[in-house]
Amino acid sequence: MRLFAANYRLLGWITLILIGGFITTTGAAFVASRDAIEHSISQQALPLTGDLIHAGLQKDILYPVFISSMMAQDPVVRDWLADVRSEPALIQSYLDNIKLKYGTVASFIGSEQRRMLYHTYGRPNPIEEGRQQDEWFFRMRAMAGKAYETNIEIDAQYSGQPTLFLNHRVTDRTGLFLGVAGVAITLDTMNQVLARYQARYERKIYFVNDSGKVMLSGVMLNEEESSLERRSGMKAIAPAILNRSTTPTSLAYRDGQSDVLVNSRYVPELNWYLVVEQSVSGNGVPLTRLLTINFLISLAVTLLVLVVTLLTVNRFQRRLEKMATTDALTGLLNRQALTVLFRQSTLVSKRNGQPLSAILFDIDHFKSVNDRFGHLAGDSVIRQVAAIALEVVRESDLVTRWGGEEYLVLLGDCKLSKAITMAENLRRRVAEHDFGLPGAPVITISLGVAQHRDDESENAFFKRTDDALYGAKHGGRNYTNASYIHPPAPQLF
């Protein structure tokens, strides 16, 4: 009846908490809904838009990667670069075909032996070490462990647009550097993609460089919007945007009367930052329906929790009590349960004048079992030793898992001499048992035995037992060592 009343007191408290939470949730529904919308935009909608743009950009980059890789692996290109006597007209025709077939802005090949750059812009140009415009070629020659690189530059010779140049190293079969093959692709298509997403989602989407200058946008920008430093409210968060983190960063700033959420990430392929922002102020989101749904859900959850709690509280309480007193691996009582049972046993022993003894033992060299055969085999040994102990002792005795590979047996109405005999029997049974391990190693235990003294504290009794176990270990293991009430000369069993 006491447990039943306690359970219903718990149910009453849960009811009060749920009702209080229900009222609070209903009163704060408007604020919570607004925060949820902002969180959804900041953590889901804006990052998703950034992911879509980034994925489209990756697709555009993979296309020229494929082309340049194909050029670098083409035997025609390799053979031509390796033979300085080859006709330039041959490679010039090859580059023209690549441009025509794949629709690139340009295609080019730089020769290490000739130190000339052949391209589809016109006549070939010499490549000179130390000249700024040729640094990319010598950087590629010195590059190790990386086949290609991407660069974004304004194509002043052809389109005047931001252009993606993809350079791919060309080597012979021995790995000797022969030159560089590459293509150029305009990013005009990305402008169209940005414009389409801006119109669809009503968000500003643009790319900025390390200095915060807007390099690519789907719409024309005025002078004030051309740089983060010039944008109202953006100057304070610009350092957090320009942090070279490829992980999306969520930020916010105040633009006049509007709250603006920002999501940014660094795109290493372009060496630019992708920025997506959206204003969340004055959206006029109808919250009436949301409040009604919140009310109904809260009410349903309250009733459901009360019913489920009423049906399951006793069941789970019994499980918790069992978990609190039982060792999960062996099914034996645990140390916490032993503390309670020891106090009861000492009271019975004192009242009836019956001796009370204990056996503390552990598995010898258990760490080597885990190291040789694995922890699952070690767990099996622990369970089998527990089963042997239950077979050896009397039904009235208590076998508990003391901790790790240690066990403690509490023996009621048992003198020290009888406890020693039981300990020796247990020691022999374990040593003779086949634990099913590869190679059939002999598993042994060391045991400490003690009889409880009148008015001896729990800690003092278990310390004597532990000291006896230590003596057995010190004596060579696979021993039974006893702690006498009036110690004679030291003796090992």
Protein backbone atom coordinates (compact mmCIF):
# COMPACT_ATOMS: atom_id res chain seq x y z
CA MET A 1 0.00 0.00 0.00
CA ARG A 2 2.90 2.35 0.75
CA LEU A 3 4.40 1.74 -2.70
CA PHE A 4 0.96 2.22 -4.28
CA ALA A 5 0.52 5.57 -2.49
CA ALA A 6 4.03 6.69 -3.52
CA ASN A 7 3.26 5.88 -7.13
CA TYR A 8 0.10 7.96 -7.08
CA ARG A 9 1.94 10.84 -5.43
CA LEU A 10 4.34 10.69 -8.37
CA LEU A 11 1.39 10.67 -10.76
CA GLY A 12 -0.04 13.71 -9.02
CA TRP A 13 3.21 15.61 -9.37
CA ILE A 14 3.42 14.67 -13.05
CA THR A 15 -0.12 15.93 -13.55
CA LEU A 16 0.70 19.28 -11.95
CA ILE A 17 3.87 19.63 -13.99
CA LEU A 18 2.07 18.82 -17.26
CA ILE A 19 -0.77 21.24 -16.53
CA GLY A 20 1.72 23.97 -15.65
CA GLY A 21 3.73 23.27 -18.77
CA PHE A 22 0.54 23.20 -20.86
CA ILE A 23 -0.55 26.64 -19.62
CA THR A 24 2.93 28.08 -20.06
CA THR A 25 3.25 26.64 -23.56
CA THR A 26 -0.11 28.03 -24.62
CA GLY A 27 0.70 31.49 -23.25
CA ALA A 28 4.08 31.58 -24.96
CA ALA A 29 2.93 29.96 -28.22
CA PHE A 30 3.27 33.11 -30.29
CA VAL A 31 6.87 33.73 -29.20
CA ALA A 32 7.76 30.08 -29.57
CA SER A 33 6.26 29.94 -33.07
CA ARG A 34 8.15 33.03 -34.15
CA ASP A 35 11.41 31.63 -32.79
CA ALA A 36 10.72 28.29 -34.49
CA ILE A 37 10.24 30.04 -37.84
CA GLU A 38 13.47 31.98 -37.43
CA HIS A 39 15.30 28.84 -36.37
CA SER A 40 13.91 26.95 -39.37
CA ILE A 41 15.08 29.65 -41.74
CA SER A 42 18.49 29.95 -40.07
CA GLN A 43 19.24 26.26 -39.56
CA GLN A 44 17.36 24.63 -42.43
CA ALA A 45 16.13 26.88 -45.24
CA LEU A 46 19.22 29.04 -45.66
CA PRO A 47 21.71 26.15 -45.32
CA LEU A 48 19.62 24.14 -47.80
CA THR A 49 19.75 26.97 -50.31
CA GLY A 50 23.49 27.18 -49.78
CA ASP A 51 23.78 23.42 -50.30
CA LEU A 52 21.86 23.61 -53.58
CA ILE A 53 24.03 26.43 -54.90
CA HIS A 54 27.17 24.65 -53.74
CA ALA A 55 26.06 21.39 -55.33
CA GLY A 56 25.37 23.16 -58.62
CA LEU A 57 28.77 24.78 -58.43
CA GLN A 58 30.42 21.40 -57.79
CA LYS A 59 28.67 20.04 -60.87
CA ASP A 60 29.98 22.91 -62.99
CA ILE A 61 33.49 22.32 -61.63
CA LEU A 62 33.42 18.55 -62.19
CA TYR A 63 32.72 19.09 -65.86
CA PRO A 64 35.99 20.89 -66.63
CA VAL A 65 37.81 18.50 -64.27
CA PHE A 66 36.71 15.65 -66.51
CA ILE A 67 37.79 17.48 -69.65
CA SER A 68 41.21 18.49 -68.35
CA SER A 69 41.82 15.02 -66.90
CA MET A 70 40.95 13.46 -70.25
CA MET A 71 43.40 15.82 -71.97
CA ALA A 72 46.16 15.05 -69.45
CA GLN A 73 45.72 11.29 -69.98
CA ASP A 74 45.42 11.46 -73.76
CA PRO A 75 48.40 9.66 -75.44
CA VAL A 76 48.35 12.28 -78.21
CA VAL A 77 49.03 15.05 -75.68
CA ARG A 78 51.65 13.05 -73.81
CA ASP A 79 53.52 12.03 -76.94
CA TRP A 80 53.45 15.55 -78.34
CA LEU A 81 54.78 17.07 -75.11
CA ALA A 82 57.48 14.41 -74.81
CA ASP A 83 58.75 14.97 -78.40
CA VAL A 84 60.04 18.51 -78.84
CA ARG A 85 60.19 17.92 -82.60
CA SER A 86 56.40 17.54 -82.90
CA GLU A 87 54.59 20.08 -85.02
CA PRO A 88 52.81 22.88 -83.04
CA ALA A 89 50.00 22.78 -85.59
CA LEU A 90 49.07 19.30 -84.36
CA ILE A 91 48.41 20.41 -80.79
CA GLN A 92 46.77 23.63 -81.94
CA SER A 93 44.25 21.60 -83.93
CA TYR A 94 43.71 19.34 -80.91
CA LEU A 95 42.92 22.32 -78.66
CA ASP A 96 40.48 23.76 -81.20
CA ASN A 97 38.64 20.45 -81.32
CA ILE A 98 38.40 20.31 -77.51
CA LYS A 99 36.94 23.81 -77.38
CA LEU A 100 34.45 23.08 -80.15
CA LYS A 101 33.37 19.69 -78.80
CA TYR A 102 32.91 20.63 -75.14
CA GLY A 103 31.91 24.27 -75.44
CA THR A 104 34.71 25.68 -73.30
CA VAL A 105 35.75 29.31 -73.35
CA ALA A 106 39.26 28.18 -74.06
CA SER A 107 41.54 25.16 -73.93
CA PHE A 108 45.30 25.30 -73.46
CA ILE A 109 48.47 23.23 -73.02
CA GLY A 110 51.74 24.43 -71.49
CA SER A 111 54.91 22.57 -72.52
CA GLU A 112 57.76 22.08 -70.06
CA GLN A 113 60.38 21.37 -72.75
CA ARG A 114 59.32 24.12 -75.13
CA ARG A 115 58.34 26.59 -72.37
CA MET A 116 55.44 27.69 -74.53
CA LEU A 117 51.73 28.04 -73.82
CA TYR A 118 49.47 26.86 -76.67
CA HIS A 119 45.85 28.01 -76.47
CA THR A 120 42.74 28.79 -78.48
CA TYR A 121 43.05 32.56 -77.98
CA GLY A 122 45.53 32.86 -80.83
CA ARG A 123 49.29 32.62 -81.20
CA PRO A 124 51.20 30.68 -78.49
CA ASN A 125 52.97 32.61 -75.74
CA PRO A 126 56.35 31.94 -74.11
CA ILE A 127 56.36 30.79 -70.48
CA GLU A 128 58.96 32.59 -68.41
CA GLU A 129 59.97 31.73 -64.86
CA GLY A 130 59.63 34.69 -62.52
CA ARG A 131 56.92 36.38 -64.59
CA GLN A 132 53.72 36.91 -62.57
CA GLN A 133 51.33 35.82 -65.31
CA ASP A 134 53.17 32.49 -65.62
CA GLU A 135 53.35 31.67 -61.89
CA TRP A 136 50.52 29.13 -62.24
CA PHE A 137 52.63 26.94 -64.57
CA PHE A 138 55.61 26.69 -62.23
CA ARG A 139 53.29 26.18 -59.28
CA MET A 140 51.79 23.20 -61.08
CA ARG A 141 55.26 21.85 -61.90
CA ALA A 142 56.25 21.95 -58.21
CA MET A 143 52.94 20.55 -57.02
CA ALA A 144 53.17 17.11 -55.34
CA GLY A 145 50.29 14.80 -54.52
CA LYS A 146 47.68 16.87 -56.33
CA ALA A 147 46.71 16.38 -59.98
CA TYR A 148 44.87 19.63 -60.65
CA GLU A 149 43.95 23.05 -59.30
CA THR A 150 41.20 25.58 -59.99
CA ASN A 151 41.53 29.35 -60.29
CA ILE A 152 38.94 32.09 -60.70
CA GLU A 153 40.04 35.08 -62.75
CA ILE A 154 38.45 37.75 -64.91
CA ASP A 155 38.96 36.65 -68.52
CA ALA A 156 40.13 39.97 -69.93
CA GLN A 157 41.15 38.47 -73.29
CA TYR A 158 37.86 36.85 -74.21
CA SER A 159 34.65 37.29 -72.24
CA GLY A 160 35.39 39.82 -69.53
CA GLN A 161 33.46 37.50 -67.18
CA PRO A 162 34.62 35.68 -64.04
CA THR A 163 36.08 32.49 -65.51
CA LEU A 164 37.04 29.16 -63.97
CA PHE A 165 40.47 27.98 -65.14
CA LEU A 166 41.22 24.33 -64.38
CA ASN A 167 44.86 23.27 -64.71
CA HIS A 168 45.82 19.56 -64.81
CA ARG A 169 49.38 18.21 -64.58
CA VAL A 170 50.60 16.02 -67.47
CA THR A 171 53.24 13.40 -66.69
CA ASP A 172 54.72 10.45 -68.52
CA ARG A 173 54.47 6.87 -67.31
CA THR A 174 57.45 7.38 -64.96
CA GLY A 175 55.89 10.44 -63.35
CA LEU A 176 58.15 12.96 -65.15
CA PHE A 177 56.46 16.35 -65.50
CA LEU A 178 55.71 17.14 -69.17
CA GLY A 179 53.44 20.14 -68.87
CA VAL A 180 49.94 21.38 -68.03
CA ALA A 181 46.64 20.84 -69.84
CA GLY A 182 43.54 22.79 -68.99
CA VAL A 183 40.29 24.47 -69.94
CA ALA A 184 38.42 27.66 -69.05
CA ILE A 185 34.69 27.82 -68.26
CA THR A 186 32.74 31.03 -67.61
CA LEU A 187 30.66 31.35 -64.46
CA ASP A 188 27.88 33.14 -66.31
CA THR A 189 25.64 30.12 -65.76
CA MET A 190 26.10 30.54 -62.01
CA ASN A 191 24.76 34.07 -62.32
CA GLN A 192 21.62 32.62 -63.87
CA VAL A 193 21.33 29.99 -61.15
CA LEU A 194 21.70 32.64 -58.43
CA ALA A 195 19.07 34.82 -60.06
CA ARG A 196 16.64 31.91 -60.32
CA TYR A 197 17.04 30.95 -56.67
CA GLN A 198 16.77 34.54 -55.50
CA ALA A 199 13.46 34.93 -57.35
CA ARG A 200 12.08 31.60 -56.12
CA TYR A 201 13.00 31.85 -52.44
CA GLU A 202 13.12 35.65 -52.03
CA ARG A 203 16.63 35.49 -50.62
CA LYS A 204 19.80 37.36 -51.45
CA ILE A 205 22.48 35.02 -52.75
CA TYR A 206 25.98 36.15 -53.68
CA PHE A 207 29.70 35.32 -53.53
CA VAL A 208 32.31 37.52 -51.85
CA ASN A 209 36.10 37.34 -51.83
CA ASP A 210 38.47 37.50 -48.83
CA SER A 211 38.13 41.27 -48.62
CA GLY A 212 34.32 41.10 -48.54
CA LYS A 213 33.81 42.38 -52.10
CA VAL A 214 30.82 40.88 -53.93
CA MET A 215 32.20 38.91 -56.88
CA LEU A 216 29.13 37.10 -58.20
CA SER A 217 25.42 37.82 -57.74
CA GLY A 218 22.17 36.96 -59.44
CA VAL A 219 21.04 40.60 -59.64
CA MET A 220 22.68 43.94 -60.26
CA LEU A 221 23.93 45.51 -57.04
CA ASN A 222 24.23 49.18 -56.20
CA GLU A 223 27.42 50.70 -54.85
CA GLU A 224 26.35 50.25 -51.22
CA GLU A 225 25.71 46.52 -51.73
CA SER A 226 28.98 45.80 -53.55
CA SER A 227 30.92 45.09 -50.33
CA LEU A 228 30.15 43.72 -46.87
CA GLU A 229 31.90 46.69 -45.32
CA ARG A 230 29.43 49.07 -46.99
CA ARG A 231 26.28 47.15 -46.08
CA SER A 232 24.24 48.44 -43.16
CA GLY A 233 24.59 46.02 -40.26
CA MET A 234 26.91 43.63 -42.13
CA LYS A 235 30.16 45.26 -41.09
CA ALA A 236 29.96 43.84 -37.55
CA ILE A 237 29.55 40.23 -38.70
CA ALA A 238 31.87 40.40 -41.73
CA PRO A 239 34.86 38.85 -39.82
CA ALA A 240 32.66 35.89 -38.81
CA ILE A 241 31.65 35.38 -42.46
CA LEU A 242 35.22 35.61 -43.79
CA ASN A 243 36.57 32.84 -41.54
CA ARG A 244 37.54 30.28 -44.24
CA SER A 245 35.28 27.67 -42.67
CA THR A 246 33.78 25.16 -45.12
CA THR A 247 31.16 24.36 -42.46
CA PRO A 248 28.04 26.56 -42.84
CA THR A 249 27.99 29.47 -40.38
CA SER A 250 24.66 30.92 -39.18
CA LEU A 251 24.61 34.63 -38.26
CA ALA A 252 22.13 37.49 -37.92
CA TYR A 253 22.17 41.28 -38.09
CA ARG A 254 19.78 44.22 -37.86
CA ASP A 255 19.07 46.20 -41.02
CA GLY A 256 16.94 49.18 -40.04
CA GLN A 257 13.65 47.71 -38.76
CA SER A 258 14.32 44.26 -40.16
CA ASP A 259 16.02 41.21 -38.68
CA VAL A 260 18.17 39.49 -41.30
CA LEU A 261 19.44 35.91 -40.99
CA VAL A 262 22.67 35.00 -42.79
CA ASN A 263 24.24 31.66 -43.74
CA SER A 264 27.75 31.56 -45.16
CA ARG A 265 30.44 29.04 -46.10
CA TYR A 266 33.87 29.07 -47.70
CA VAL A 267 34.13 27.45 -51.14
CA PRO A 268 37.79 26.43 -51.53
CA GLU A 269 37.42 25.61 -55.24
CA LEU A 270 36.66 29.29 -55.91
CA ASN A 271 38.44 30.84 -52.94
CA TRP A 272 35.17 32.76 -52.38
CA TYR A 273 32.46 32.78 -49.73
CA LEU A 274 28.87 31.82 -50.56
CA VAL A 275 26.44 34.06 -48.62
CA VAL A 276 22.67 33.52 -48.37
CA GLU A 277 20.50 35.94 -46.39
CA GLN A 278 16.80 36.46 -45.73
CA SER A 279 14.77 39.04 -43.85
CA VAL A 280 12.36 37.56 -41.27
CA SER A 281 10.67 40.70 -40.00
CA GLY A 282 7.10 41.54 -41.00
CA ASN A 283 6.39 38.19 -42.60
CA GLY A 284 2.80 38.19 -41.34
CA VAL A 285 2.74 34.45 -40.80
CA PRO A 286 -0.76 33.40 -39.68
CA LEU A 287 -0.25 31.82 -36.26
CA THR A 288 -3.91 31.15 -35.37
CA ARG A 289 -3.89 27.70 -36.87
CA LEU A 290 -0.54 26.97 -35.32
CA LEU A 291 -1.84 27.98 -31.89
CA THR A 292 -4.90 25.74 -32.29
CA ILE A 293 -2.78 22.78 -33.30
CA ASN A 294 -0.44 23.48 -30.39
CA PHE A 295 -3.41 23.56 -28.00
CA LEU A 296 -4.81 20.24 -29.25
CA ILE A 297 -1.42 18.52 -29.28
CA SER A 298 -0.61 19.72 -25.76
CA LEU A 299 -3.95 18.48 -24.46
CA ALA A 300 -3.57 15.11 -26.19
CA VAL A 301 -0.01 14.70 -24.93
CA THR A 302 -1.09 15.54 -21.39
CA LEU A 303 -3.83 12.91 -21.40
CA LEU A 304 -1.62 10.33 -23.10
CA VAL A 305 1.24 10.82 -20.65
CA LEU A 306 -1.10 10.51 -17.68
CA VAL A 307 -2.58 7.26 -19.01
CA VAL A 308 0.79 5.77 -19.92
CA THR A 309 2.30 6.82 -16.60
CA LEU A 310 -0.59 5.25 -14.70
CA LEU A 311 -0.20 1.95 -16.58
CA THR A 312 3.57 1.66 -16.49
CA VAL A 313 4.88 3.34 -13.32
CA ASN A 314 4.67 0.19 -11.19
CA ARG A 315 6.24 -1.95 -13.89
CA PHE A 316 9.19 0.34 -14.41
CA GLN A 317 9.69 0.82 -10.70
CA ARG A 318 10.04 -2.93 -10.26
CA ARG A 319 12.54 -2.99 -13.12
CA LEU A 320 14.55 -0.19 -11.58
CA GLU A 321 14.64 -1.94 -8.23
CA LYS A 322 15.95 -5.07 -9.92
CA MET A 323 18.52 -3.14 -11.93
CA ALA A 324 19.69 -1.35 -8.79
CA THR A 325 20.41 -4.60 -6.92
CA THR A 326 21.42 -7.05 -9.68
CA ASP A 327 24.62 -7.32 -11.71
CA ALA A 328 23.63 -7.34 -15.40
CA LEU A 329 26.46 -9.60 -16.57
CA THR A 330 26.21 -12.46 -14.03
CA GLY A 331 22.71 -12.08 -12.58
CA LEU A 332 24.25 -12.02 -9.08
CA LEU A 333 23.41 -9.45 -6.46
CA ASN A 334 25.61 -6.38 -6.74
CA ARG A 335 27.62 -4.53 -4.12
CA GLN A 336 24.80 -2.12 -3.33
CA ALA A 337 22.46 -4.98 -2.48
CA LEU A 338 25.18 -6.65 -0.42
CA THR A 339 25.47 -3.61 1.83
CA VAL A 340 21.81 -3.90 2.84
CA LEU A 341 21.92 -7.70 3.18
CA PHE A 342 25.13 -7.60 5.23
CA ARG A 343 23.53 -5.37 7.82
CA GLN A 344 20.56 -7.72 8.04
CA SER A 345 22.89 -10.74 8.32
CA THR A 346 24.91 -9.18 11.14
CA LEU A 347 21.71 -8.48 13.09
CA VAL A 348 20.55 -12.10 12.62
CA SER A 349 23.98 -13.40 13.57
CA LYS A 350 24.10 -11.31 16.70
CA ARG A 351 20.54 -12.16 17.72
CA ASN A 352 20.94 -15.94 17.19
CA GLY A 353 24.57 -16.18 18.24
CA GLN A 354 25.52 -17.70 14.88
CA PRO A 355 28.89 -17.09 13.22
CA LEU A 356 29.03 -15.05 10.01
CA SER A 357 31.87 -15.49 7.51
CA ALA A 358 32.78 -14.19 4.09
CA ILE A 359 34.85 -15.34 1.12
CA LEU A 360 36.33 -12.66 -1.14
CA PHE A 361 37.93 -14.02 -4.29
CA ASP A 362 38.95 -12.89 -7.72
CA ILE A 363 40.15 -14.42 -10.98
CA ASP A 364 43.93 -14.68 -11.31
CA HIS A 365 45.57 -12.87 -14.20
CA PHE A 366 42.18 -11.89 -15.61
CA LYS A 367 43.68 -9.10 -17.70
CA SER A 368 45.66 -11.67 -19.68
CA VAL A 369 42.40 -13.49 -20.47
CA ASN A 370 40.96 -10.30 -21.96
CA ASP A 371 44.21 -9.56 -23.80
CA ARG A 372 44.54 -13.06 -25.28
CA PHE A 373 40.95 -14.00 -26.02
CA GLY A 374 39.03 -10.70 -26.06
CA HIS A 375 36.53 -9.07 -23.73
CA LEU A 376 33.65 -11.30 -24.80
CA ALA A 377 35.63 -14.35 -23.69
CA GLY A 378 36.47 -12.50 -20.46
CA ASP A 379 32.77 -11.87 -19.85
CA SER A 380 32.09 -15.57 -20.42
CA VAL A 381 34.71 -16.50 -17.81
CA ILE A 382 33.15 -14.10 -15.29
CA ARG A 383 29.71 -15.65 -15.85
CA GLN A 384 31.02 -19.23 -15.56
CA VAL A 385 32.91 -18.50 -12.33
CA ALA A 386 29.71 -17.02 -10.91
CA ALA A 387 27.79 -20.17 -11.89
CA ILE A 388 30.42 -22.40 -10.21
CA ALA A 389 30.22 -20.34 -7.03
CA LEU A 390 26.43 -20.74 -6.93
CA GLU A 391 26.84 -24.52 -7.27
CA VAL A 392 29.45 -24.81 -4.51
CA VAL A 393 27.85 -22.70 -1.77
CA ARG A 394 24.65 -23.43 0.10
CA GLU A 395 21.29 -22.12 -1.06
CA SER A 396 21.13 -19.84 1.98
CA ASP A 397 24.49 -18.21 1.17
CA LEU A 398 24.73 -14.97 -0.78
CA VAL A 399 27.02 -14.76 -3.83
CA THR A 400 27.60 -11.21 -5.04
CA ARG A 401 29.75 -9.55 -7.67
CA TRP A 402 32.04 -7.31 -5.69
CA GLY A 403 33.38 -5.51 -8.74
CA GLY A 404 35.22 -6.34 -11.97
CA GLU A 405 36.50 -9.91 -11.62
CA GLU A 406 36.00 -9.94 -7.83
CA TYR A 407 33.21 -11.82 -6.00
CA LEU A 408 32.12 -11.93 -2.37
CA VAL A 409 30.25 -14.81 -0.73
CA LEU A 410 28.43 -14.10 2.56
CA LEU A 411 28.05 -17.26 4.65
CA GLY A 412 25.46 -17.22 7.44
CA ASP A 413 25.78 -19.66 10.37
CA CYS A 414 29.27 -20.61 9.16
CA LYS A 415 32.46 -20.76 11.21
CA LEU A 416 35.83 -19.84 9.75
CA SER A 417 36.96 -23.46 9.42
CA LYS A 418 33.86 -24.39 7.43
CA ALA A 419 34.24 -21.27 5.29
CA ILE A 420 37.84 -22.27 4.52
CA THR A 421 36.66 -25.72 3.44
CA MET A 422 34.05 -24.17 1.12
CA ALA A 423 36.64 -21.77 -0.26
CA GLU A 424 39.05 -24.62 -0.99
CA ASN A 425 36.26 -26.55 -2.72
CA LEU A 426 35.46 -23.51 -4.82
CA ARG A 427 39.13 -23.00 -5.70
CA ARG A 428 39.50 -26.61 -6.89
CA ARG A 429 36.25 -26.55 -8.88
CA VAL A 430 37.34 -23.43 -10.78
CA ALA A 431 40.83 -24.83 -11.47
CA GLU A 432 39.33 -28.07 -12.82
CA HIS A 433 36.64 -26.37 -14.94
CA ASP A 434 36.93 -26.20 -18.73
CA PHE A 435 36.02 -22.65 -19.70
CA GLY A 436 35.95 -23.43 -23.42
CA LEU A 437 38.84 -21.13 -24.32
CA PRO A 438 41.26 -21.93 -27.18
CA GLY A 439 44.18 -23.99 -25.89
CA ALA A 440 42.24 -24.83 -22.70
CA PRO A 441 44.20 -22.53 -20.34
CA VAL A 442 43.80 -23.17 -16.62
CA ILE A 443 41.75 -20.46 -14.95
CA THR A 444 42.39 -20.11 -11.21
CA ILE A 445 41.16 -17.93 -8.39
CA SER A 446 42.68 -16.57 -5.19
CA LEU A 447 40.52 -16.38 -2.07
CA GLY A 448 40.50 -14.51 1.20
CA VAL A 449 38.37 -15.83 4.08
CA ALA A 450 37.37 -14.11 7.32
CA GLN A 451 34.85 -14.55 10.15
CA HIS A 452 32.99 -11.53 11.42
CA ARG A 453 33.98 -10.37 14.90
CA ASP A 454 31.52 -9.14 17.48
CA ASP A 455 30.80 -5.44 17.06
CA GLU A 456 33.15 -5.26 14.05
CA SER A 457 32.18 -2.59 11.52
CA GLU A 458 31.33 -3.41 7.95
CA ASN A 459 34.40 -1.61 6.58
CA ALA A 460 36.75 -3.30 9.06
CA PHE A 461 35.35 -6.76 8.26
CA PHE A 462 35.61 -6.37 4.50
CA LYS A 463 39.09 -4.86 4.86
CA ARG A 464 40.27 -7.95 6.75
CA THR A 465 38.76 -10.13 4.05
CA ASP A 466 40.44 -8.03 1.36
CA ASP A 467 43.78 -8.23 3.20
CA ALA A 468 43.42 -12.01 3.29
CA LEU A 469 42.81 -12.01 -0.48
CA TYR A 470 45.89 -9.83 -0.97
CA GLY A 471 47.90 -12.33 1.06
CA ALA A 472 46.72 -15.14 -1.21
CA LYS A 473 47.77 -13.11 -4.25
CA HIS A 474 51.11 -12.32 -2.67
CA GLY A 475 51.60 -15.98 -1.85
CA GLY A 476 51.58 -17.01 -5.47
CA ARG A 477 47.84 -17.04 -6.43
CA ASN A 478 45.53 -20.07 -6.65
CA TYR A 479 45.55 -20.02 -2.83
CA THR A 480 43.07 -19.68 0.01
CA ASN A 481 44.24 -17.35 2.76
CA ALA A 482 42.33 -16.86 6.03
CA SER A 483 42.14 -13.96 8.46
CA TYR A 484 41.71 -15.38 11.97
CA ILE A 485 39.90 -13.71 14.86
CA HIS A 486 42.91 -14.51 17.03
CA PRO A 487 45.63 -14.98 14.44
CA PRO A 488 48.00 -17.93 14.82
CA ALA A 489 51.17 -18.17 12.79
CA PRO A 490 50.51 -17.18 9.16
CA GLN A 491 49.02 -20.04 7.19
CA LEU A 492 48.10 -20.47 3.55
CA PHE A 493 45.60 -23.02 2.20
